[in-house]
C-alpha atoms as a PDB file:
ATOM      1  CA  MET A   1       4.285 -11.047  20.886  1.00  0.00           C
ATOM      2  CA  ILE A   2       2.775  -9.365  17.838  1.00  0.00           C
ATOM      3  CA  HIS A   3       4.523  -9.962  14.546  1.00  0.00           C
ATOM      4  CA  GLY A   4       3.714  -9.027  10.974  1.00  0.00           C
ATOM      5  CA  THR A   5       4.059 -10.736   7.642  1.00  0.00           C
ATOM      6  CA  THR A   6       6.089 -10.062   4.507  1.00  0.00           C
ATOM      7  CA  VAL A   7       4.457  -8.186   1.613  1.00  0.00           C
ATOM      8  CA  THR A   8       5.862  -7.200  -1.772  1.00  0.00           C
ATOM      9  CA  VAL A   9       5.712  -3.505  -2.719  1.00  0.00           C
ATOM     10  CA  TYR A  10       5.728  -2.698  -6.446  1.00  0.00           C
ATOM     11  CA  LYS A  11       6.972   0.788  -7.247  1.00  0.00           C
ATOM     12  CA  PRO A  12       6.524   2.308 -10.731  1.00  0.00           C
ATOM     13  CA  TYR A  13       9.487   3.759 -12.594  1.00  0.00           C
ATOM     14  CA  GLN A  14       9.751   5.342 -16.028  1.00  0.00           C
ATOM     15  CA  VAL A  15      11.280   3.040 -18.634  1.00  0.00           C
ATOM     16  CA  GLY A  16      10.778   5.277 -21.666  1.00  0.00           C
ATOM     17  CA  THR A  17       8.052   6.578 -23.957  1.00  0.00           C
ATOM     18  CA  ASP A  18       5.847   4.984 -26.580  1.00  0.00           C
ATOM     19  CA  ARG A  19       5.480   6.089 -30.196  1.00  0.00           C
ATOM     20  CA  PHE A  20       2.923   8.718 -29.126  1.00  0.00           C
ATOM     21  CA  ASN A  21       5.385  10.147 -26.579  1.00  0.00           C
ATOM     22  CA  ASN A  22       3.387   8.816 -23.612  1.00  0.00           C
ATOM     23  CA  VAL A  23       5.417   7.733 -20.616  1.00  0.00           C
ATOM     24  CA  VAL A  24       5.797   3.966 -20.246  1.00  0.00           C
ATOM     25  CA  TYR A  25       6.235   2.600 -16.724  1.00  0.00           C
ATOM     26  CA  GLY A  26       7.741  -0.579 -15.398  1.00  0.00           C
ATOM     27  CA  MET A  27       7.397  -1.966 -11.897  1.00  0.00           C
ATOM     28  CA  THR A  28      10.110  -3.026  -9.526  1.00  0.00           C
ATOM     29  CA  GLY A  29       9.298  -5.151  -6.500  1.00  0.00           C
ATOM     30  CA  ALA A  30      10.799  -5.229  -3.023  1.00  0.00           C
ATOM     31  CA  ASP A  31       9.813  -7.301  -0.002  1.00  0.00           C
ATOM     32  CA  VAL A  32       8.896  -5.520   3.224  1.00  0.00           C
ATOM     33  CA  SER A  33       8.757  -7.618   6.371  1.00  0.00           C
ATOM     34  CA  ASP A  34       6.809  -7.175   9.603  1.00  0.00           C
ATOM     35  CA  VAL A  35       3.692  -5.592   8.062  1.00  0.00           C
ATOM     36  CA  LEU A  36       0.412  -5.985   9.961  1.00  0.00           C
ATOM     37  CA  ILE A  37      -2.760  -6.670   7.944  1.00  0.00           C
ATOM     38  CA  ALA A  38      -6.220  -5.571   9.123  1.00  0.00           C
ATOM     39  CA  PRO A  39      -9.569  -5.887   7.311  1.00  0.00           C
ATOM     40  CA  GLY A  40     -10.746  -2.722   5.553  1.00  0.00           C
ATOM     41  CA  ALA A  41     -13.932  -0.791   6.198  1.00  0.00           C
ATOM     42  CA  THR A  42     -17.161  -2.609   5.421  1.00  0.00           C
ATOM     43  CA  GLU A  43     -19.025   0.354   3.943  1.00  0.00           C
ATOM     44  CA  PHE A  44     -18.431   3.142   1.471  1.00  0.00           C
ATOM     45  CA  LEU A  45     -17.916   6.567   3.001  1.00  0.00           C
ATOM     46  CA  GLU A  46     -19.298   9.085   0.524  1.00  0.00           C
ATOM     47  CA  ALA A  47     -17.832  12.225   2.076  1.00  0.00           C
ATOM     48  CA  SER A  48     -14.296  10.876   2.396  1.00  0.00           C
ATOM     49  CA  ARG A  49     -14.406   8.526  -0.605  1.00  0.00           C
ATOM     50  CA  PRO A  50     -16.190  10.460  -3.373  1.00  0.00           C
ATOM     51  CA  GLU A  51     -15.225   7.900  -6.010  1.00  0.00           C
ATOM     52  CA  GLY A  52     -16.617   5.025  -3.959  1.00  0.00           C
ATOM     53  CA  VAL A  53     -13.246   3.372  -3.357  1.00  0.00           C
ATOM     54  CA  LYS A  54     -13.578   0.259  -1.238  1.00  0.00           C
ATOM     55  CA  VAL A  55     -10.757  -0.282   1.219  1.00  0.00           C
ATOM     56  CA  ALA A  56      -9.856  -3.968   1.029  1.00  0.00           C
ATOM     57  CA  TYR A  57      -7.295  -3.936   3.846  1.00  0.00           C
ATOM     58  CA  THR A  58      -5.400  -1.529   6.044  1.00  0.00           C
ATOM     59  CA  LEU A  59      -1.730  -2.379   6.319  1.00  0.00           C
ATOM     60  CA  HIS A  60       0.446  -1.103   9.125  1.00  0.00           C
ATOM     61  CA  PHE A  61       4.026  -0.614   7.963  1.00  0.00           C
ATOM     62  CA  PRO A  62       6.929  -0.755  10.418  1.00  0.00           C
ATOM     63  CA  LYS A  63       8.936   2.293  11.451  1.00  0.00           C
ATOM     64  CA  THR A  64      11.896   0.879   9.537  1.00  0.00           C
ATOM     65  CA  PHE A  65      10.075   1.487   6.218  1.00  0.00           C
ATOM     66  CA  ALA A  66      10.878   4.978   4.941  1.00  0.00           C
ATOM     67  CA  ASP A  67       9.925   4.973   1.234  1.00  0.00           C
ATOM     68  CA  SER A  68       6.950   6.682  -0.393  1.00  0.00           C
ATOM     69  CA  LEU A  69       4.073   4.401  -1.362  1.00  0.00           C
ATOM     70  CA  GLU A  70       2.328   6.886  -3.652  1.00  0.00           C
ATOM     71  CA  GLY A  71       1.401   5.147  -6.930  1.00  0.00           C
ATOM     72  CA  CYS A  72       2.520   1.746  -5.633  1.00  0.00           C
ATOM     73  CA  SER A  73       0.842  -1.630  -5.512  1.00  0.00           C
ATOM     74  CA  VAL A  74       1.209  -4.215  -2.768  1.00  0.00           C
ATOM     75  CA  GLU A  75       1.093  -7.974  -3.190  1.00  0.00           C
ATOM     76  CA  LEU A  76      -0.205  -9.917  -0.214  1.00  0.00           C
ATOM     77  CA  HIS A  77       0.693 -13.552   0.202  1.00  0.00           C
ATOM     78  CA  PRO A  78      -1.567 -16.407   1.433  1.00  0.00           C
ATOM     79  CA  PRO A  79      -4.038 -16.376   3.046  1.00  0.00           C
ATOM     80  CA  TYR A  80      -4.702 -12.813   1.764  1.00  0.00           C
ATOM     81  CA  SER A  81      -3.348 -13.468  -1.752  1.00  0.00           C
ATOM     82  CA  GLY A  82      -3.764 -10.690  -4.277  1.00  0.00           C
ATOM     83  CA  THR A  83      -2.284  -7.492  -5.622  1.00  0.00           C
ATOM     84  CA  TYR A  84      -3.810  -4.258  -4.329  1.00  0.00           C
ATOM     85  CA  LYS A  85      -3.407  -0.584  -5.202  1.00  0.00           C
ATOM     86  CA  VAL A  86      -2.253   1.845  -2.492  1.00  0.00           C
ATOM     87  CA  ILE A  87      -4.815   4.607  -1.894  1.00  0.00           C
ATOM     88  CA  GLY A  88      -3.307   8.105  -1.889  1.00  0.00           C
ATOM     89  CA  ASN A  89       0.060   8.951  -0.364  1.00  0.00           C
ATOM     90  CA  PRO A  90       0.228   7.390   3.118  1.00  0.00           C
ATOM     91  CA  GLN A  91       2.154   9.301   5.776  1.00  0.00           C
ATOM     92  CA  PRO A  92       3.572   7.940   9.028  1.00  0.00           C
ATOM     93  CA  TYR A  93       2.448   9.028  12.453  1.00  0.00           C
ATOM     94  CA  MET A  94       4.974  10.942  14.553  1.00  0.00           C
ATOM     95  CA  TYR A  95       7.688   8.497  15.548  1.00  0.00           C
ATOM     96  CA  GLU A  96       7.686   9.460  19.218  1.00  0.00           C
ATOM     97  CA  ASN A  97       3.886   9.071  19.468  1.00  0.00           C
ATOM     98  CA  THR A  98       3.819   5.453  18.313  1.00  0.00           C
ATOM     99  CA  PRO A  99       5.079   3.140  21.044  1.00  0.00           C
ATOM    100  CA  THR A 100       4.958  -0.006  18.896  1.00  0.00           C
ATOM    101  CA  ARG A 101       7.063  -0.989  15.866  1.00  0.00           C
ATOM    102  CA  TRP A 102       4.415   0.247  13.403  1.00  0.00           C
ATOM    103  CA  ASN A 103       3.682   3.882  12.568  1.00  0.00           C
ATOM    104  CA  MET A 104       2.191   4.085   9.061  1.00  0.00           C
ATOM    105  CA  PRO A 105      -1.329   2.910   8.223  1.00  0.00           C
ATOM    106  CA  VAL A 106      -1.732   2.196   4.495  1.00  0.00           C
ATOM    107  CA  GLU A 107      -5.157   1.666   2.927  1.00  0.00           C
ATOM    108  CA  ILE A 108      -5.233  -0.563  -0.131  1.00  0.00           C
ATOM    109  CA  GLU A 109      -7.974  -1.374  -2.619  1.00  0.00           C
ATOM    110  CA  ALA A 110      -8.515  -4.233  -5.005  1.00  0.00           C
ATOM    111  CA  ALA A 111      -7.086  -3.405  -8.418  1.00  0.00           C
ATOM    112  CA  HIS A 112      -8.741  -5.425 -11.177  1.00  0.00           C
ATOM    113  CA  GLY A 113      -7.612  -5.009 -14.753  1.00  0.00           C
END
């Protein structure tokens, strides 16, 4: 039987503003279980990735996950250890057209710095 792993999703939230009136964000983390991890694409796709973003992994979130991942980061645990930035605003497939437990592919990229 196929089973996923637990990842930690970090969601930004506004904590205030700095002395220049710029928004300051904090991050809150929540574990999500049963996420499948697949290797990302091995090449850059110029037409669909104009900024040359390299997809590190594609995660497949379970149907039970209903939050937005826009602007989030995801921490993967060993053996994939690292924190990655979610690309775009992933949307789930139609529930009735996905016979397995997973319906939302999420591309993530390495976020250094």
